[in-house]
Amino acid sequence: PTKALEDKDKLKLKGLDLEVLHTPG
């Protein structure tokens, strides 16, 4: 990957905002 994600990271684009929820299992 370009970057590894972690819990609660925010992915923000113009007009778009998603939060990462780490949900192992």
PDBML (XML) file of the C-alpha atoms, coordinates in Angstrom:
<?xml version="1.0" encoding="UTF-8" ?>
<PDBx:datablock datablockName="MODEL"
   xmlns:PDBx="http://pdbml.pdb.org/schema/pdbx-v50.xsd"
   xmlns:xsi="http://www.w3.org/2001/XMLSchema-instance"
   xsi:schemaLocation="http://pdbml.pdb.org/schema/pdbx-v50.xsd pdbx-v50.xsd">
   <PDBx:atom_siteCategory>
      <PDBx:atom_site id="1">
         <PDBx:B_iso_or_equiv>0.00</PDBx:B_iso_or_equiv>
         <PDBx:Cartn_x>0.000</PDBx:Cartn_x>
         <PDBx:Cartn_y>0.000</PDBx:Cartn_y>
         <PDBx:Cartn_z>0.000</PDBx:Cartn_z>
         <PDBx:auth_asym_id>A</PDBx:auth_asym_id>
         <PDBx:auth_atom_id>CA</PDBx:auth_atom_id>
         <PDBx:auth_comp_id>PRO</PDBx:auth_comp_id>
         <PDBx:auth_seq_id>1</PDBx:auth_seq_id>
         <PDBx:group_PDB>ATOM</PDBx:group_PDB>
         <PDBx:label_alt_id xsi:nil="true" />
         <PDBx:label_asym_id>A</PDBx:label_asym_id>
         <PDBx:label_atom_id>CA</PDBx:label_atom_id>
         <PDBx:label_comp_id>PRO</PDBx:label_comp_id>
         <PDBx:label_entity_id>1</PDBx:label_entity_id>
         <PDBx:label_seq_id>1</PDBx:label_seq_id>
         <PDBx:occupancy>1.00</PDBx:occupancy>
         <PDBx:pdbx_PDB_model_num>1</PDBx:pdbx_PDB_model_num>
         <PDBx:type_symbol>C</PDBx:type_symbol>
      </PDBx:atom_site>
      <PDBx:atom_site id="2">
         <PDBx:B_iso_or_equiv>0.00</PDBx:B_iso_or_equiv>
         <PDBx:Cartn_x>0.821</PDBx:Cartn_x>
         <PDBx:Cartn_y>3.658</PDBx:Cartn_y>
         <PDBx:Cartn_z>-0.272</PDBx:Cartn_z>
         <PDBx:auth_asym_id>A</PDBx:auth_asym_id>
         <PDBx:auth_atom_id>CA</PDBx:auth_atom_id>
         <PDBx:auth_comp_id>THR</PDBx:auth_comp_id>
         <PDBx:auth_seq_id>2</PDBx:auth_seq_id>
         <PDBx:group_PDB>ATOM</PDBx:group_PDB>
         <PDBx:label_alt_id xsi:nil="true" />
         <PDBx:label_asym_id>A</PDBx:label_asym_id>
         <PDBx:label_atom_id>CA</PDBx:label_atom_id>
         <PDBx:label_comp_id>THR</PDBx:label_comp_id>
         <PDBx:label_entity_id>1</PDBx:label_entity_id>
         <PDBx:label_seq_id>2</PDBx:label_seq_id>
         <PDBx:occupancy>1.00</PDBx:occupancy>
         <PDBx:pdbx_PDB_model_num>1</PDBx:pdbx_PDB_model_num>
         <PDBx:type_symbol>C</PDBx:type_symbol>
      </PDBx:atom_site>
      <PDBx:atom_site id="3">
         <PDBx:B_iso_or_equiv>0.00</PDBx:B_iso_or_equiv>
         <PDBx:Cartn_x>-0.099</PDBx:Cartn_x>
         <PDBx:Cartn_y>3.966</PDBx:Cartn_y>
         <PDBx:Cartn_z>3.398</PDBx:Cartn_z>
         <PDBx:auth_asym_id>A</PDBx:auth_asym_id>
         <PDBx:auth_atom_id>CA</PDBx:auth_atom_id>
         <PDBx:auth_comp_id>LYS</PDBx:auth_comp_id>
         <PDBx:auth_seq_id>3</PDBx:auth_seq_id>
         <PDBx:group_PDB>ATOM</PDBx:group_PDB>
         <PDBx:label_alt_id xsi:nil="true" />
         <PDBx:label_asym_id>A</PDBx:label_asym_id>
         <PDBx:label_atom_id>CA</PDBx:label_atom_id>
         <PDBx:label_comp_id>LYS</PDBx:label_comp_id>
         <PDBx:label_entity_id>1</PDBx:label_entity_id>
         <PDBx:label_seq_id>3</PDBx:label_seq_id>
         <PDBx:occupancy>1.00</PDBx:occupancy>
         <PDBx:pdbx_PDB_model_num>1</PDBx:pdbx_PDB_model_num>
         <PDBx:type_symbol>C</PDBx:type_symbol>
      </PDBx:atom_site>
      <PDBx:atom_site id="4">
         <PDBx:B_iso_or_equiv>0.00</PDBx:B_iso_or_equiv>
         <PDBx:Cartn_x>-1.260</PDBx:Cartn_x>
         <PDBx:Cartn_y>1.660</PDBx:Cartn_y>
         <PDBx:Cartn_z>6.179</PDBx:Cartn_z>
         <PDBx:auth_asym_id>A</PDBx:auth_asym_id>
         <PDBx:auth_atom_id>CA</PDBx:auth_atom_id>
         <PDBx:auth_comp_id>ALA</PDBx:auth_comp_id>
         <PDBx:auth_seq_id>4</PDBx:auth_seq_id>
         <PDBx:group_PDB>ATOM</PDBx:group_PDB>
         <PDBx:label_alt_id xsi:nil="true" />
         <PDBx:label_asym_id>A</PDBx:label_asym_id>
         <PDBx:label_atom_id>CA</PDBx:label_atom_id>
         <PDBx:label_comp_id>ALA</PDBx:label_comp_id>
         <PDBx:label_entity_id>1</PDBx:label_entity_id>
         <PDBx:label_seq_id>4</PDBx:label_seq_id>
         <PDBx:occupancy>1.00</PDBx:occupancy>
         <PDBx:pdbx_PDB_model_num>1</PDBx:pdbx_PDB_model_num>
         <PDBx:type_symbol>C</PDBx:type_symbol>
      </PDBx:atom_site>
      <PDBx:atom_site id="5">
         <PDBx:B_iso_or_equiv>0.00</PDBx:B_iso_or_equiv>
         <PDBx:Cartn_x>-4.444</PDBx:Cartn_x>
         <PDBx:Cartn_y>2.580</PDBx:Cartn_y>
         <PDBx:Cartn_z>8.007</PDBx:Cartn_z>
         <PDBx:auth_asym_id>A</PDBx:auth_asym_id>
         <PDBx:auth_atom_id>CA</PDBx:auth_atom_id>
         <PDBx:auth_comp_id>LEU</PDBx:auth_comp_id>
         <PDBx:auth_seq_id>5</PDBx:auth_seq_id>
         <PDBx:group_PDB>ATOM</PDBx:group_PDB>
         <PDBx:label_alt_id xsi:nil="true" />
         <PDBx:label_asym_id>A</PDBx:label_asym_id>
         <PDBx:label_atom_id>CA</PDBx:label_atom_id>
         <PDBx:label_comp_id>LEU</PDBx:label_comp_id>
         <PDBx:label_entity_id>1</PDBx:label_entity_id>
         <PDBx:label_seq_id>5</PDBx:label_seq_id>
         <PDBx:occupancy>1.00</PDBx:occupancy>
         <PDBx:pdbx_PDB_model_num>1</PDBx:pdbx_PDB_model_num>
         <PDBx:type_symbol>C</PDBx:type_symbol>
      </PDBx:atom_site>
      <PDBx:atom_site id="6">
         <PDBx:B_iso_or_equiv>0.00</PDBx:B_iso_or_equiv>
         <PDBx:Cartn_x>-5.161</PDBx:Cartn_x>
         <PDBx:Cartn_y>2.527</PDBx:Cartn_y>
         <PDBx:Cartn_z>11.734</PDBx:Cartn_z>
         <PDBx:auth_asym_id>A</PDBx:auth_asym_id>
         <PDBx:auth_atom_id>CA</PDBx:auth_atom_id>
         <PDBx:auth_comp_id>GLU</PDBx:auth_comp_id>
         <PDBx:auth_seq_id>6</PDBx:auth_seq_id>
         <PDBx:group_PDB>ATOM</PDBx:group_PDB>
         <PDBx:label_alt_id xsi:nil="true" />
         <PDBx:label_asym_id>A</PDBx:label_asym_id>
         <PDBx:label_atom_id>CA</PDBx:label_atom_id>
         <PDBx:label_comp_id>GLU</PDBx:label_comp_id>
         <PDBx:label_entity_id>1</PDBx:label_entity_id>
         <PDBx:label_seq_id>6</PDBx:label_seq_id>
         <PDBx:occupancy>1.00</PDBx:occupancy>
         <PDBx:pdbx_PDB_model_num>1</PDBx:pdbx_PDB_model_num>
         <PDBx:type_symbol>C</PDBx:type_symbol>
      </PDBx:atom_site>
      <PDBx:atom_site id="7">
         <PDBx:B_iso_or_equiv>0.00</PDBx:B_iso_or_equiv>
         <PDBx:Cartn_x>-8.320</PDBx:Cartn_x>
         <PDBx:Cartn_y>2.666</PDBx:Cartn_y>
         <PDBx:Cartn_z>13.823</PDBx:Cartn_z>
         <PDBx:auth_asym_id>A</PDBx:auth_asym_id>
         <PDBx:auth_atom_id>CA</PDBx:auth_atom_id>
         <PDBx:auth_comp_id>ASP</PDBx:auth_comp_id>
         <PDBx:auth_seq_id>7</PDBx:auth_seq_id>
         <PDBx:group_PDB>ATOM</PDBx:group_PDB>
         <PDBx:label_alt_id xsi:nil="true" />
         <PDBx:label_asym_id>A</PDBx:label_asym_id>
         <PDBx:label_atom_id>CA</PDBx:label_atom_id>
         <PDBx:label_comp_id>ASP</PDBx:label_comp_id>
         <PDBx:label_entity_id>1</PDBx:label_entity_id>
         <PDBx:label_seq_id>7</PDBx:label_seq_id>
         <PDBx:occupancy>1.00</PDBx:occupancy>
         <PDBx:pdbx_PDB_model_num>1</PDBx:pdbx_PDB_model_num>
         <PDBx:type_symbol>C</PDBx:type_symbol>
      </PDBx:atom_site>
      <PDBx:atom_site id="8">
         <PDBx:B_iso_or_equiv>0.00</PDBx:B_iso_or_equiv>
         <PDBx:Cartn_x>-10.049</PDBx:Cartn_x>
         <PDBx:Cartn_y>6.081</PDBx:Cartn_y>
         <PDBx:Cartn_z>13.816</PDBx:Cartn_z>
         <PDBx:auth_asym_id>A</PDBx:auth_asym_id>
         <PDBx:auth_atom_id>CA</PDBx:auth_atom_id>
         <PDBx:auth_comp_id>LYS</PDBx:auth_comp_id>
         <PDBx:auth_seq_id>8</PDBx:auth_seq_id>
         <PDBx:group_PDB>ATOM</PDBx:group_PDB>
         <PDBx:label_alt_id xsi:nil="true" />
         <PDBx:label_asym_id>A</PDBx:label_asym_id>
         <PDBx:label_atom_id>CA</PDBx:label_atom_id>
         <PDBx:label_comp_id>LYS</PDBx:label_comp_id>
         <PDBx:label_entity_id>1</PDBx:label_entity_id>
         <PDBx:label_seq_id>8</PDBx:label_seq_id>
         <PDBx:occupancy>1.00</PDBx:occupancy>
         <PDBx:pdbx_PDB_model_num>1</PDBx:pdbx_PDB_model_num>
         <PDBx:type_symbol>C</PDBx:type_symbol>
      </PDBx:atom_site>
      <PDBx:atom_site id="9">
         <PDBx:B_iso_or_equiv>0.00</PDBx:B_iso_or_equiv>
         <PDBx:Cartn_x>-8.107</PDBx:Cartn_x>
         <PDBx:Cartn_y>7.385</PDBx:Cartn_y>
         <PDBx:Cartn_z>10.826</PDBx:Cartn_z>
         <PDBx:auth_asym_id>A</PDBx:auth_asym_id>
         <PDBx:auth_atom_id>CA</PDBx:auth_atom_id>
         <PDBx:auth_comp_id>ASP</PDBx:auth_comp_id>
         <PDBx:auth_seq_id>9</PDBx:auth_seq_id>
         <PDBx:group_PDB>ATOM</PDBx:group_PDB>
         <PDBx:label_alt_id xsi:nil="true" />
         <PDBx:label_asym_id>A</PDBx:label_asym_id>
         <PDBx:label_atom_id>CA</PDBx:label_atom_id>
         <PDBx:label_comp_id>ASP</PDBx:label_comp_id>
         <PDBx:label_entity_id>1</PDBx:label_entity_id>
         <PDBx:label_seq_id>9</PDBx:label_seq_id>
         <PDBx:occupancy>1.00</PDBx:occupancy>
         <PDBx:pdbx_PDB_model_num>1</PDBx:pdbx_PDB_model_num>
         <PDBx:type_symbol>C</PDBx:type_symbol>
      </PDBx:atom_site>
      <PDBx:atom_site id="10">
         <PDBx:B_iso_or_equiv>0.00</PDBx:B_iso_or_equiv>
         <PDBx:Cartn_x>-10.124</PDBx:Cartn_x>
         <PDBx:Cartn_y>9.923</PDBx:Cartn_y>
         <PDBx:Cartn_z>8.826</PDBx:Cartn_z>
         <PDBx:auth_asym_id>A</PDBx:auth_asym_id>
         <PDBx:auth_atom_id>CA</PDBx:auth_atom_id>
         <PDBx:auth_comp_id>LYS</PDBx:auth_comp_id>
         <PDBx:auth_seq_id>10</PDBx:auth_seq_id>
         <PDBx:group_PDB>ATOM</PDBx:group_PDB>
         <PDBx:label_alt_id xsi:nil="true" />
         <PDBx:label_asym_id>A</PDBx:label_asym_id>
         <PDBx:label_atom_id>CA</PDBx:label_atom_id>
         <PDBx:label_comp_id>LYS</PDBx:label_comp_id>
         <PDBx:label_entity_id>1</PDBx:label_entity_id>
         <PDBx:label_seq_id>10</PDBx:label_seq_id>
         <PDBx:occupancy>1.00</PDBx:occupancy>
         <PDBx:pdbx_PDB_model_num>1</PDBx:pdbx_PDB_model_num>
         <PDBx:type_symbol>C</PDBx:type_symbol>
      </PDBx:atom_site>
      <PDBx:atom_site id="11">
         <PDBx:B_iso_or_equiv>0.00</PDBx:B_iso_or_equiv>
         <PDBx:Cartn_x>-10.289</PDBx:Cartn_x>
         <PDBx:Cartn_y>9.765</PDBx:Cartn_y>
         <PDBx:Cartn_z>5.053</PDBx:Cartn_z>
         <PDBx:auth_asym_id>A</PDBx:auth_asym_id>
         <PDBx:auth_atom_id>CA</PDBx:auth_atom_id>
         <PDBx:auth_comp_id>LEU</PDBx:auth_comp_id>
         <PDBx:auth_seq_id>11</PDBx:auth_seq_id>
         <PDBx:group_PDB>ATOM</PDBx:group_PDB>
         <PDBx:label_alt_id xsi:nil="true" />
         <PDBx:label_asym_id>A</PDBx:label_asym_id>
         <PDBx:label_atom_id>CA</PDBx:label_atom_id>
         <PDBx:label_comp_id>LEU</PDBx:label_comp_id>
         <PDBx:label_entity_id>1</PDBx:label_entity_id>
         <PDBx:label_seq_id>11</PDBx:label_seq_id>
         <PDBx:occupancy>1.00</PDBx:occupancy>
         <PDBx:pdbx_PDB_model_num>1</PDBx:pdbx_PDB_model_num>
         <PDBx:type_symbol>C</PDBx:type_symbol>
      </PDBx:atom_site>
      <PDBx:atom_site id="12">
         <PDBx:B_iso_or_equiv>0.00</PDBx:B_iso_or_equiv>
         <PDBx:Cartn_x>-11.227</PDBx:Cartn_x>
         <PDBx:Cartn_y>13.220</PDBx:Cartn_y>
         <PDBx:Cartn_z>3.820</PDBx:Cartn_z>
         <PDBx:auth_asym_id>A</PDBx:auth_asym_id>
         <PDBx:auth_atom_id>CA</PDBx:auth_atom_id>
         <PDBx:auth_comp_id>LYS</PDBx:auth_comp_id>
         <PDBx:auth_seq_id>12</PDBx:auth_seq_id>
         <PDBx:group_PDB>ATOM</PDBx:group_PDB>
         <PDBx:label_alt_id xsi:nil="true" />
         <PDBx:label_asym_id>A</PDBx:label_asym_id>
         <PDBx:label_atom_id>CA</PDBx:label_atom_id>
         <PDBx:label_comp_id>LYS</PDBx:label_comp_id>
         <PDBx:label_entity_id>1</PDBx:label_entity_id>
         <PDBx:label_seq_id>12</PDBx:label_seq_id>
         <PDBx:occupancy>1.00</PDBx:occupancy>
         <PDBx:pdbx_PDB_model_num>1</PDBx:pdbx_PDB_model_num>
         <PDBx:type_symbol>C</PDBx:type_symbol>
      </PDBx:atom_site>
      <PDBx:atom_site id="13">
         <PDBx:B_iso_or_equiv>0.00</PDBx:B_iso_or_equiv>
         <PDBx:Cartn_x>-11.887</PDBx:Cartn_x>
         <PDBx:Cartn_y>14.331</PDBx:Cartn_y>
         <PDBx:Cartn_z>0.261</PDBx:Cartn_z>
         <PDBx:auth_asym_id>A</PDBx:auth_asym_id>
         <PDBx:auth_atom_id>CA</PDBx:auth_atom_id>
         <PDBx:auth_comp_id>LEU</PDBx:auth_comp_id>
         <PDBx:auth_seq_id>13</PDBx:auth_seq_id>
         <PDBx:group_PDB>ATOM</PDBx:group_PDB>
         <PDBx:label_alt_id xsi:nil="true" />
         <PDBx:label_asym_id>A</PDBx:label_asym_id>
         <PDBx:label_atom_id>CA</PDBx:label_atom_id>
         <PDBx:label_comp_id>LEU</PDBx:label_comp_id>
         <PDBx:label_entity_id>1</PDBx:label_entity_id>
         <PDBx:label_seq_id>13</PDBx:label_seq_id>
         <PDBx:occupancy>1.00</PDBx:occupancy>
         <PDBx:pdbx_PDB_model_num>1</PDBx:pdbx_PDB_model_num>
         <PDBx:type_symbol>C</PDBx:type_symbol>
      </PDBx:atom_site>
      <PDBx:atom_site id="14">
         <PDBx:B_iso_or_equiv>0.00</PDBx:B_iso_or_equiv>
         <PDBx:Cartn_x>-13.775</PDBx:Cartn_x>
         <PDBx:Cartn_y>17.355</PDBx:Cartn_y>
         <PDBx:Cartn_z>-1.021</PDBx:Cartn_z>
         <PDBx:auth_asym_id>A</PDBx:auth_asym_id>
         <PDBx:auth_atom_id>CA</PDBx:auth_atom_id>
         <PDBx:auth_comp_id>LYS</PDBx:auth_comp_id>
         <PDBx:auth_seq_id>14</PDBx:auth_seq_id>
         <PDBx:group_PDB>ATOM</PDBx:group_PDB>
         <PDBx:label_alt_id xsi:nil="true" />
         <PDBx:label_asym_id>A</PDBx:label_asym_id>
         <PDBx:label_atom_id>CA</PDBx:label_atom_id>
         <PDBx:label_comp_id>LYS</PDBx:label_comp_id>
         <PDBx:label_entity_id>1</PDBx:label_entity_id>
         <PDBx:label_seq_id>14</PDBx:label_seq_id>
         <PDBx:occupancy>1.00</PDBx:occupancy>
         <PDBx:pdbx_PDB_model_num>1</PDBx:pdbx_PDB_model_num>
         <PDBx:type_symbol>C</PDBx:type_symbol>
      </PDBx:atom_site>
      <PDBx:atom_site id="15">
         <PDBx:B_iso_or_equiv>0.00</PDBx:B_iso_or_equiv>
         <PDBx:Cartn_x>-17.295</PDBx:Cartn_x>
         <PDBx:Cartn_y>16.798</PDBx:Cartn_y>
         <PDBx:Cartn_z>0.270</PDBx:Cartn_z>
         <PDBx:auth_asym_id>A</PDBx:auth_asym_id>
         <PDBx:auth_atom_id>CA</PDBx:auth_atom_id>
         <PDBx:auth_comp_id>GLY</PDBx:auth_comp_id>
         <PDBx:auth_seq_id>15</PDBx:auth_seq_id>
         <PDBx:group_PDB>ATOM</PDBx:group_PDB>
         <PDBx:label_alt_id xsi:nil="true" />
         <PDBx:label_asym_id>A</PDBx:label_asym_id>
         <PDBx:label_atom_id>CA</PDBx:label_atom_id>
         <PDBx:label_comp_id>GLY</PDBx:label_comp_id>
         <PDBx:label_entity_id>1</PDBx:label_entity_id>
         <PDBx:label_seq_id>15</PDBx:label_seq_id>
         <PDBx:occupancy>1.00</PDBx:occupancy>
         <PDBx:pdbx_PDB_model_num>1</PDBx:pdbx_PDB_model_num>
         <PDBx:type_symbol>C</PDBx:type_symbol>
      </PDBx:atom_site>
      <PDBx:atom_site id="16">
         <PDBx:B_iso_or_equiv>0.00</PDBx:B_iso_or_equiv>
         <PDBx:Cartn_x>-16.543</PDBx:Cartn_x>
         <PDBx:Cartn_y>13.269</PDBx:Cartn_y>
         <PDBx:Cartn_z>1.484</PDBx:Cartn_z>
         <PDBx:auth_asym_id>A</PDBx:auth_asym_id>
         <PDBx:auth_atom_id>CA</PDBx:auth_atom_id>
         <PDBx:auth_comp_id>LEU</PDBx:auth_comp_id>
         <PDBx:auth_seq_id>16</PDBx:auth_seq_id>
         <PDBx:group_PDB>ATOM</PDBx:group_PDB>
         <PDBx:label_alt_id xsi:nil="true" />
         <PDBx:label_asym_id>A</PDBx:label_asym_id>
         <PDBx:label_atom_id>CA</PDBx:label_atom_id>
         <PDBx:label_comp_id>LEU</PDBx:label_comp_id>
         <PDBx:label_entity_id>1</PDBx:label_entity_id>
         <PDBx:label_seq_id>16</PDBx:label_seq_id>
         <PDBx:occupancy>1.00</PDBx:occupancy>
         <PDBx:pdbx_PDB_model_num>1</PDBx:pdbx_PDB_model_num>
         <PDBx:type_symbol>C</PDBx:type_symbol>
      </PDBx:atom_site>
      <PDBx:atom_site id="17">
         <PDBx:B_iso_or_equiv>0.00</PDBx:B_iso_or_equiv>
         <PDBx:Cartn_x>-15.477</PDBx:Cartn_x>
         <PDBx:Cartn_y>12.073</PDBx:Cartn_y>
         <PDBx:Cartn_z>4.929</PDBx:Cartn_z>
         <PDBx:auth_asym_id>A</PDBx:auth_asym_id>
         <PDBx:auth_atom_id>CA</PDBx:auth_atom_id>
         <PDBx:auth_comp_id>ASP</PDBx:auth_comp_id>
         <PDBx:auth_seq_id>17</PDBx:auth_seq_id>
         <PDBx:group_PDB>ATOM</PDBx:group_PDB>
         <PDBx:label_alt_id xsi:nil="true" />
         <PDBx:label_asym_id>A</PDBx:label_asym_id>
         <PDBx:label_atom_id>CA</PDBx:label_atom_id>
         <PDBx:label_comp_id>ASP</PDBx:label_comp_id>
         <PDBx:label_entity_id>1</PDBx:label_entity_id>
         <PDBx:label_seq_id>17</PDBx:label_seq_id>
         <PDBx:occupancy>1.00</PDBx:occupancy>
         <PDBx:pdbx_PDB_model_num>1</PDBx:pdbx_PDB_model_num>
         <PDBx:type_symbol>C</PDBx:type_symbol>
      </PDBx:atom_site>
      <PDBx:atom_site id="18">
         <PDBx:B_iso_or_equiv>0.00</PDBx:B_iso_or_equiv>
         <PDBx:Cartn_x>-15.135</PDBx:Cartn_x>
         <PDBx:Cartn_y>8.468</PDBx:Cartn_y>
         <PDBx:Cartn_z>6.136</PDBx:Cartn_z>
         <PDBx:auth_asym_id>A</PDBx:auth_asym_id>
         <PDBx:auth_atom_id>CA</PDBx:auth_atom_id>
         <PDBx:auth_comp_id>LEU</PDBx:auth_comp_id>
         <PDBx:auth_seq_id>18</PDBx:auth_seq_id>
         <PDBx:group_PDB>ATOM</PDBx:group_PDB>
         <PDBx:label_alt_id xsi:nil="true" />
         <PDBx:label_asym_id>A</PDBx:label_asym_id>
         <PDBx:label_atom_id>CA</PDBx:label_atom_id>
         <PDBx:label_comp_id>LEU</PDBx:label_comp_id>
         <PDBx:label_entity_id>1</PDBx:label_entity_id>
         <PDBx:label_seq_id>18</PDBx:label_seq_id>
         <PDBx:occupancy>1.00</PDBx:occupancy>
         <PDBx:pdbx_PDB_model_num>1</PDBx:pdbx_PDB_model_num>
         <PDBx:type_symbol>C</PDBx:type_symbol>
      </PDBx:atom_site>
      <PDBx:atom_site id="19">
         <PDBx:B_iso_or_equiv>0.00</PDBx:B_iso_or_equiv>
         <PDBx:Cartn_x>-13.782</PDBx:Cartn_x>
         <PDBx:Cartn_y>7.138</PDBx:Cartn_y>
         <PDBx:Cartn_z>9.431</PDBx:Cartn_z>
         <PDBx:auth_asym_id>A</PDBx:auth_asym_id>
         <PDBx:auth_atom_id>CA</PDBx:auth_atom_id>
         <PDBx:auth_comp_id>GLU</PDBx:auth_comp_id>
         <PDBx:auth_seq_id>19</PDBx:auth_seq_id>
         <PDBx:group_PDB>ATOM</PDBx:group_PDB>
         <PDBx:label_alt_id xsi:nil="true" />
         <PDBx:label_asym_id>A</PDBx:label_asym_id>
         <PDBx:label_atom_id>CA</PDBx:label_atom_id>
         <PDBx:label_comp_id>GLU</PDBx:label_comp_id>
         <PDBx:label_entity_id>1</PDBx:label_entity_id>
         <PDBx:label_seq_id>19</PDBx:label_seq_id>
         <PDBx:occupancy>1.00</PDBx:occupancy>
         <PDBx:pdbx_PDB_model_num>1</PDBx:pdbx_PDB_model_num>
         <PDBx:type_symbol>C</PDBx:type_symbol>
      </PDBx:atom_site>
      <PDBx:atom_site id="20">
         <PDBx:B_iso_or_equiv>0.00</PDBx:B_iso_or_equiv>
         <PDBx:Cartn_x>-11.823</PDBx:Cartn_x>
         <PDBx:Cartn_y>3.890</PDBx:Cartn_y>
         <PDBx:Cartn_z>9.705</PDBx:Cartn_z>
         <PDBx:auth_asym_id>A</PDBx:auth_asym_id>
         <PDBx:auth_atom_id>CA</PDBx:auth_atom_id>
         <PDBx:auth_comp_id>VAL</PDBx:auth_comp_id>
         <PDBx:auth_seq_id>20</PDBx:auth_seq_id>
         <PDBx:group_PDB>ATOM</PDBx:group_PDB>
         <PDBx:label_alt_id xsi:nil="true" />
         <PDBx:label_asym_id>A</PDBx:label_asym_id>
         <PDBx:label_atom_id>CA</PDBx:label_atom_id>
         <PDBx:label_comp_id>VAL</PDBx:label_comp_id>
         <PDBx:label_entity_id>1</PDBx:label_entity_id>
         <PDBx:label_seq_id>20</PDBx:label_seq_id>
         <PDBx:occupancy>1.00</PDBx:occupancy>
         <PDBx:pdbx_PDB_model_num>1</PDBx:pdbx_PDB_model_num>
         <PDBx:type_symbol>C</PDBx:type_symbol>
      </PDBx:atom_site>
      <PDBx:atom_site id="21">
         <PDBx:B_iso_or_equiv>0.00</PDBx:B_iso_or_equiv>
         <PDBx:Cartn_x>-13.215</PDBx:Cartn_x>
         <PDBx:Cartn_y>1.414</PDBx:Cartn_y>
         <PDBx:Cartn_z>12.254</PDBx:Cartn_z>
         <PDBx:auth_asym_id>A</PDBx:auth_asym_id>
         <PDBx:auth_atom_id>CA</PDBx:auth_atom_id>
         <PDBx:auth_comp_id>LEU</PDBx:auth_comp_id>
         <PDBx:auth_seq_id>21</PDBx:auth_seq_id>
         <PDBx:group_PDB>ATOM</PDBx:group_PDB>
         <PDBx:label_alt_id xsi:nil="true" />
         <PDBx:label_asym_id>A</PDBx:label_asym_id>
         <PDBx:label_atom_id>CA</PDBx:label_atom_id>
         <PDBx:label_comp_id>LEU</PDBx:label_comp_id>
         <PDBx:label_entity_id>1</PDBx:label_entity_id>
         <PDBx:label_seq_id>21</PDBx:label_seq_id>
         <PDBx:occupancy>1.00</PDBx:occupancy>
         <PDBx:pdbx_PDB_model_num>1</PDBx:pdbx_PDB_model_num>
         <PDBx:type_symbol>C</PDBx:type_symbol>
      </PDBx:atom_site>
      <PDBx:atom_site id="22">
         <PDBx:B_iso_or_equiv>0.00</PDBx:B_iso_or_equiv>
         <PDBx:Cartn_x>-10.773</PDBx:Cartn_x>
         <PDBx:Cartn_y>-1.421</PDBx:Cartn_y>
         <PDBx:Cartn_z>12.954</PDBx:Cartn_z>
         <PDBx:auth_asym_id>A</PDBx:auth_asym_id>
         <PDBx:auth_atom_id>CA</PDBx:auth_atom_id>
         <PDBx:auth_comp_id>HIS</PDBx:auth_comp_id>
         <PDBx:auth_seq_id>22</PDBx:auth_seq_id>
         <PDBx:group_PDB>ATOM</PDBx:group_PDB>
         <PDBx:label_alt_id xsi:nil="true" />
         <PDBx:label_asym_id>A</PDBx:label_asym_id>
         <PDBx:label_atom_id>CA</PDBx:label_atom_id>
         <PDBx:label_comp_id>HIS</PDBx:label_comp_id>
         <PDBx:label_entity_id>1</PDBx:label_entity_id>
         <PDBx:label_seq_id>22</PDBx:label_seq_id>
         <PDBx:occupancy>1.00</PDBx:occupancy>
         <PDBx:pdbx_PDB_model_num>1</PDBx:pdbx_PDB_model_num>
         <PDBx:type_symbol>C</PDBx:type_symbol>
      </PDBx:atom_site>
      <PDBx:atom_site id="23">
         <PDBx:B_iso_or_equiv>0.00</PDBx:B_iso_or_equiv>
         <PDBx:Cartn_x>-12.955</PDBx:Cartn_x>
         <PDBx:Cartn_y>-4.523</PDBx:Cartn_y>
         <PDBx:Cartn_z>13.239</PDBx:Cartn_z>
         <PDBx:auth_asym_id>A</PDBx:auth_asym_id>
         <PDBx:auth_atom_id>CA</PDBx:auth_atom_id>
         <PDBx:auth_comp_id>THR</PDBx:auth_comp_id>
         <PDBx:auth_seq_id>23</PDBx:auth_seq_id>
         <PDBx:group_PDB>ATOM</PDBx:group_PDB>
         <PDBx:label_alt_id xsi:nil="true" />
         <PDBx:label_asym_id>A</PDBx:label_asym_id>
         <PDBx:label_atom_id>CA</PDBx:label_atom_id>
         <PDBx:label_comp_id>THR</PDBx:label_comp_id>
         <PDBx:label_entity_id>1</PDBx:label_entity_id>
         <PDBx:label_seq_id>23</PDBx:label_seq_id>
         <PDBx:occupancy>1.00</PDBx:occupancy>
         <PDBx:pdbx_PDB_model_num>1</PDBx:pdbx_PDB_model_num>
         <PDBx:type_symbol>C</PDBx:type_symbol>
      </PDBx:atom_site>
      <PDBx:atom_site id="24">
         <PDBx:B_iso_or_equiv>0.00</PDBx:B_iso_or_equiv>
         <PDBx:Cartn_x>-10.706</PDBx:Cartn_x>
         <PDBx:Cartn_y>-7.596</PDBx:Cartn_y>
         <PDBx:Cartn_z>13.529</PDBx:Cartn_z>
         <PDBx:auth_asym_id>A</PDBx:auth_asym_id>
         <PDBx:auth_atom_id>CA</PDBx:auth_atom_id>
         <PDBx:auth_comp_id>PRO</PDBx:auth_comp_id>
         <PDBx:auth_seq_id>24</PDBx:auth_seq_id>
         <PDBx:group_PDB>ATOM</PDBx:group_PDB>
         <PDBx:label_alt_id xsi:nil="true" />
         <PDBx:label_asym_id>A</PDBx:label_asym_id>
         <PDBx:label_atom_id>CA</PDBx:label_atom_id>
         <PDBx:label_comp_id>PRO</PDBx:label_comp_id>
         <PDBx:label_entity_id>1</PDBx:label_entity_id>
         <PDBx:label_seq_id>24</PDBx:label_seq_id>
         <PDBx:occupancy>1.00</PDBx:occupancy>
         <PDBx:pdbx_PDB_model_num>1</PDBx:pdbx_PDB_model_num>
         <PDBx:type_symbol>C</PDBx:type_symbol>
      </PDBx:atom_site>
      <PDBx:atom_site id="25">
         <PDBx:B_iso_or_equiv>0.00</PDBx:B_iso_or_equiv>
         <PDBx:Cartn_x>-12.230</PDBx:Cartn_x>
         <PDBx:Cartn_y>-11.054</PDBx:Cartn_y>
         <PDBx:Cartn_z>13.378</PDBx:Cartn_z>
         <PDBx:auth_asym_id>A</PDBx:auth_asym_id>
         <PDBx:auth_atom_id>CA</PDBx:auth_atom_id>
         <PDBx:auth_comp_id>GLY</PDBx:auth_comp_id>
         <PDBx:auth_seq_id>25</PDBx:auth_seq_id>
         <PDBx:group_PDB>ATOM</PDBx:group_PDB>
         <PDBx:label_alt_id xsi:nil="true" />
         <PDBx:label_asym_id>A</PDBx:label_asym_id>
         <PDBx:label_atom_id>CA</PDBx:label_atom_id>
         <PDBx:label_comp_id>GLY</PDBx:label_comp_id>
         <PDBx:label_entity_id>1</PDBx:label_entity_id>
         <PDBx:label_seq_id>25</PDBx:label_seq_id>
         <PDBx:occupancy>1.00</PDBx:occupancy>
         <PDBx:pdbx_PDB_model_num>1</PDBx:pdbx_PDB_model_num>
         <PDBx:type_symbol>C</PDBx:type_symbol>
      </PDBx:atom_site>
   </PDBx:atom_siteCategory>
</PDBx:datablock>
